[in-house]
């Protein structure tokens, strides 16, 4: 099951400095051994709410691969170049099963709420 990395990225002054550019020049080599790839990178069209900054969307073959990359010595060596020169909110989220539906999810929640209510009585 694929795992996605989403980075809500804000760059002070909107232009990467030399250290941030050094990070960009090195990060791809740290990702490749773990099967990671970039799916999207850039400004988003905000249709609701606020999203100052950029979006980076990456895919890894598994959560384990994503976590191994993030914790790898090669990535840890360059990580300060990003965190000291940009503001990031970074999350990992797993893909959904092929048979997932939002309606089915809602039905599962209704059933769980009903079961909790029945056990409370």
C-alpha atoms as a PDB file:
ATOM      1  CA  UNK A   1       0.000   0.000   0.000  1.00  0.00           C
ATOM      2  CA  UNK A   2       1.477   3.354  -1.011  1.00  0.00           C
ATOM      3  CA  UNK A   3       2.197   6.060   1.505  1.00  0.00           C
ATOM      4  CA  UNK A   4       2.104   9.727   0.580  1.00  0.00           C
ATOM      5  CA  UNK A   5       4.176  12.513   2.071  1.00  0.00           C
ATOM      6  CA  UNK A   6       2.565  15.941   2.044  1.00  0.00           C
ATOM      7  CA  UNK A   7       4.646  18.997   2.890  1.00  0.00           C
ATOM      8  CA  UNK A   8       2.970  22.360   3.388  1.00  0.00           C
ATOM      9  CA  UNK A   9       6.058  24.426   2.653  1.00  0.00           C
ATOM     10  CA  UNK A  10       6.625  28.124   3.312  1.00  0.00           C
ATOM     11  CA  UNK A  11       9.854  29.780   2.216  1.00  0.00           C
ATOM     12  CA  UNK A  12      10.686  33.076   3.928  1.00  0.00           C
ATOM     13  CA  UNK A  13      10.873  35.762   1.266  1.00  0.00           C
ATOM     14  CA  UNK A  14       9.412  33.276  -1.266  1.00  0.00           C
ATOM     15  CA  UNK A  15      12.865  32.643  -2.799  1.00  0.00           C
ATOM     16  CA  UNK A  16      15.040  29.762  -1.538  1.00  0.00           C
ATOM     17  CA  UNK A  17      18.398  30.853  -0.145  1.00  0.00           C
ATOM     18  CA  UNK A  18      21.685  29.092  -0.905  1.00  0.00           C
ATOM     19  CA  UNK A  19      21.283  26.494   1.871  1.00  0.00           C
ATOM     20  CA  UNK A  20      17.729  25.666   0.766  1.00  0.00           C
ATOM     21  CA  UNK A  21      18.934  25.298  -2.820  1.00  0.00           C
ATOM     22  CA  UNK A  22      21.690  22.982  -1.581  1.00  0.00           C
ATOM     23  CA  UNK A  23      18.998  20.859   0.088  1.00  0.00           C
ATOM     24  CA  UNK A  24      17.039  20.691  -3.170  1.00  0.00           C
ATOM     25  CA  UNK A  25      20.143  19.680  -5.069  1.00  0.00           C
ATOM     26  CA  UNK A  26      20.800  16.780  -2.662  1.00  0.00           C
ATOM     27  CA  UNK A  27      17.400  15.493  -1.533  1.00  0.00           C
ATOM     28  CA  UNK A  28      16.511  13.496  -4.637  1.00  0.00           C
ATOM     29  CA  UNK A  29      19.504  11.182  -4.196  1.00  0.00           C
ATOM     30  CA  UNK A  30      18.351  10.392  -0.644  1.00  0.00           C
ATOM     31  CA  UNK A  31      14.842   9.475  -1.803  1.00  0.00           C
ATOM     32  CA  UNK A  32      15.691   7.191  -4.728  1.00  0.00           C
ATOM     33  CA  UNK A  33      16.908   4.179  -2.687  1.00  0.00           C
ATOM     34  CA  UNK A  34      13.539   4.093  -0.900  1.00  0.00           C
ATOM     35  CA  UNK A  35      11.384   4.192  -4.033  1.00  0.00           C
ATOM     36  CA  UNK A  36      10.096   7.704  -3.388  1.00  0.00           C
ATOM     37  CA  UNK A  37       8.997   9.984  -6.182  1.00  0.00           C
ATOM     38  CA  UNK A  38       7.600  13.468  -6.500  1.00  0.00           C
ATOM     39  CA  UNK A  39       3.992  13.648  -7.692  1.00  0.00           C
ATOM     40  CA  UNK A  40       3.390  17.391  -7.291  1.00  0.00           C
ATOM     41  CA  UNK A  41       5.426  20.407  -6.267  1.00  0.00           C
ATOM     42  CA  UNK A  42       4.387  24.049  -6.371  1.00  0.00           C
ATOM     43  CA  UNK A  43       1.660  26.530  -5.621  1.00  0.00           C
ATOM     44  CA  UNK A  44      -1.845  25.222  -5.011  1.00  0.00           C
ATOM     45  CA  UNK A  45      -5.102  26.795  -6.140  1.00  0.00           C
ATOM     46  CA  UNK A  46      -6.867  27.468  -2.862  1.00  0.00           C
ATOM     47  CA  UNK A  47     -10.626  26.984  -3.229  1.00  0.00           C
ATOM     48  CA  UNK A  48     -11.483  27.107   0.495  1.00  0.00           C
ATOM     49  CA  UNK A  49      -9.611  28.387   3.509  1.00  0.00           C
ATOM     50  CA  UNK A  50      -6.023  29.567   3.450  1.00  0.00           C
ATOM     51  CA  UNK A  51      -2.874  27.836   2.264  1.00  0.00           C
ATOM     52  CA  UNK A  52       0.055  30.221   2.160  1.00  0.00           C
ATOM     53  CA  UNK A  53       3.065  28.662   0.543  1.00  0.00           C
ATOM     54  CA  UNK A  54       3.695  25.607  -1.575  1.00  0.00           C
ATOM     55  CA  UNK A  55       2.673  21.962  -1.637  1.00  0.00           C
ATOM     56  CA  UNK A  56       5.033  19.046  -2.074  1.00  0.00           C
ATOM     57  CA  UNK A  57       3.399  15.656  -2.689  1.00  0.00           C
ATOM     58  CA  UNK A  58       5.529  12.525  -2.774  1.00  0.00           C
ATOM     59  CA  UNK A  59       4.741   8.825  -3.008  1.00  0.00           C
ATOM     60  CA  UNK A  60       6.599   5.941  -1.395  1.00  0.00           C
ATOM     61  CA  UNK A  61       5.835   2.274  -2.009  1.00  0.00           C
ATOM     62  CA  UNK A  62       5.134   1.661   1.704  1.00  0.00           C
ATOM     63  CA  UNK A  63       5.004   3.538   5.001  1.00  0.00           C
ATOM     64  CA  UNK A  64       8.080   1.601   6.079  1.00  0.00           C
ATOM     65  CA  UNK A  65       9.998   2.911   3.047  1.00  0.00           C
ATOM     66  CA  UNK A  66       8.904   6.497   3.785  1.00  0.00           C
ATOM     67  CA  UNK A  67       9.950   6.239   7.424  1.00  0.00           C
ATOM     68  CA  UNK A  68      13.248   4.561   6.527  1.00  0.00           C
ATOM     69  CA  UNK A  69      14.010   7.404   4.116  1.00  0.00           C
ATOM     70  CA  UNK A  70      13.095  10.117   6.630  1.00  0.00           C
ATOM     71  CA  UNK A  71      15.268   8.496   9.301  1.00  0.00           C
ATOM     72  CA  UNK A  72      18.142   7.543   6.981  1.00  0.00           C
ATOM     73  CA  UNK A  73      21.607   8.936   7.737  1.00  0.00           C
ATOM     74  CA  UNK A  74      21.813  10.493   4.254  1.00  0.00           C
ATOM     75  CA  UNK A  75      18.555  12.407   4.723  1.00  0.00           C
ATOM     76  CA  UNK A  76      19.278  13.338   8.347  1.00  0.00           C
ATOM     77  CA  UNK A  77      22.555  14.883   7.169  1.00  0.00           C
ATOM     78  CA  UNK A  78      20.747  17.381   4.879  1.00  0.00           C
ATOM     79  CA  UNK A  79      17.547  17.830   6.922  1.00  0.00           C
ATOM     80  CA  UNK A  80      18.869  20.954   8.741  1.00  0.00           C
ATOM     81  CA  UNK A  81      19.206  22.674   5.355  1.00  0.00           C
ATOM     82  CA  UNK A  82      15.403  22.488   5.017  1.00  0.00           C
ATOM     83  CA  UNK A  83      14.250  22.997   8.589  1.00  0.00           C
ATOM     84  CA  UNK A  84      16.571  25.948   9.177  1.00  0.00           C
ATOM     85  CA  UNK A  85      15.515  27.756   5.992  1.00  0.00           C
ATOM     86  CA  UNK A  86      11.818  26.991   5.521  1.00  0.00           C
ATOM     87  CA  UNK A  87       8.666  26.294   7.486  1.00  0.00           C
ATOM     88  CA  UNK A  88       7.218  22.853   6.829  1.00  0.00           C
ATOM     89  CA  UNK A  89       4.251  20.869   8.038  1.00  0.00           C
ATOM     90  CA  UNK A  90       5.098  17.327   6.962  1.00  0.00           C
ATOM     91  CA  UNK A  91       2.665  14.404   7.162  1.00  0.00           C
ATOM     92  CA  UNK A  92       2.580  10.800   6.005  1.00  0.00           C
ATOM     93  CA  UNK A  93      -0.722   9.253   4.996  1.00  0.00           C
ATOM     94  CA  UNK A  94      -1.426   5.785   3.644  1.00  0.00           C
ATOM     95  CA  UNK A  95      -3.418   5.176   0.502  1.00  0.00           C
ATOM     96  CA  UNK A  96      -6.888   3.696   0.777  1.00  0.00           C
ATOM     97  CA  UNK A  97      -7.894   0.138  -0.101  1.00  0.00           C
ATOM     98  CA  UNK A  98      -9.220  -0.306  -3.650  1.00  0.00           C
ATOM     99  CA  UNK A  99     -12.755  -0.993  -2.359  1.00  0.00           C
ATOM    100  CA  UNK A 100     -12.941   2.121  -0.121  1.00  0.00           C
ATOM    101  CA  UNK A 101     -15.945   4.415  -0.481  1.00  0.00           C
ATOM    102  CA  UNK A 102     -16.871   7.467   1.580  1.00  0.00           C
ATOM    103  CA  UNK A 103     -20.422   6.120   1.862  1.00  0.00           C
ATOM    104  CA  UNK A 104     -19.067   2.861   3.252  1.00  0.00           C
ATOM    105  CA  UNK A 105     -16.957   4.798   5.759  1.00  0.00           C
ATOM    106  CA  UNK A 106     -20.041   6.743   6.900  1.00  0.00           C
ATOM    107  CA  UNK A 107     -21.939   3.471   7.329  1.00  0.00           C
ATOM    108  CA  UNK A 108     -19.111   2.053   9.459  1.00  0.00           C
ATOM    109  CA  UNK A 109     -19.196   5.146  11.678  1.00  0.00           C
ATOM    110  CA  UNK A 110     -22.989   4.909  12.048  1.00  0.00           C
ATOM    111  CA  UNK A 111     -22.713   1.226  13.011  1.00  0.00           C
ATOM    112  CA  UNK A 112     -19.970   1.960  15.561  1.00  0.00           C
ATOM    113  CA  UNK A 113     -21.980   4.823  17.105  1.00  0.00           C
ATOM    114  CA  UNK A 114     -25.067   2.607  17.283  1.00  0.00           C
ATOM    115  CA  UNK A 115     -23.095  -0.230  18.878  1.00  0.00           C
ATOM    116  CA  UNK A 116     -21.571   2.150  21.434  1.00  0.00           C
ATOM    117  CA  UNK A 117     -25.044   3.480  22.242  1.00  0.00           C
ATOM    118  CA  UNK A 118     -26.438  -0.054  22.641  1.00  0.00           C
ATOM    119  CA  UNK A 119     -23.617  -1.066  25.001  1.00  0.00           C
ATOM    120  CA  UNK A 120     -24.152   2.067  27.103  1.00  0.00           C
ATOM    121  CA  UNK A 121     -27.764   1.028  27.861  1.00  0.00           C
END
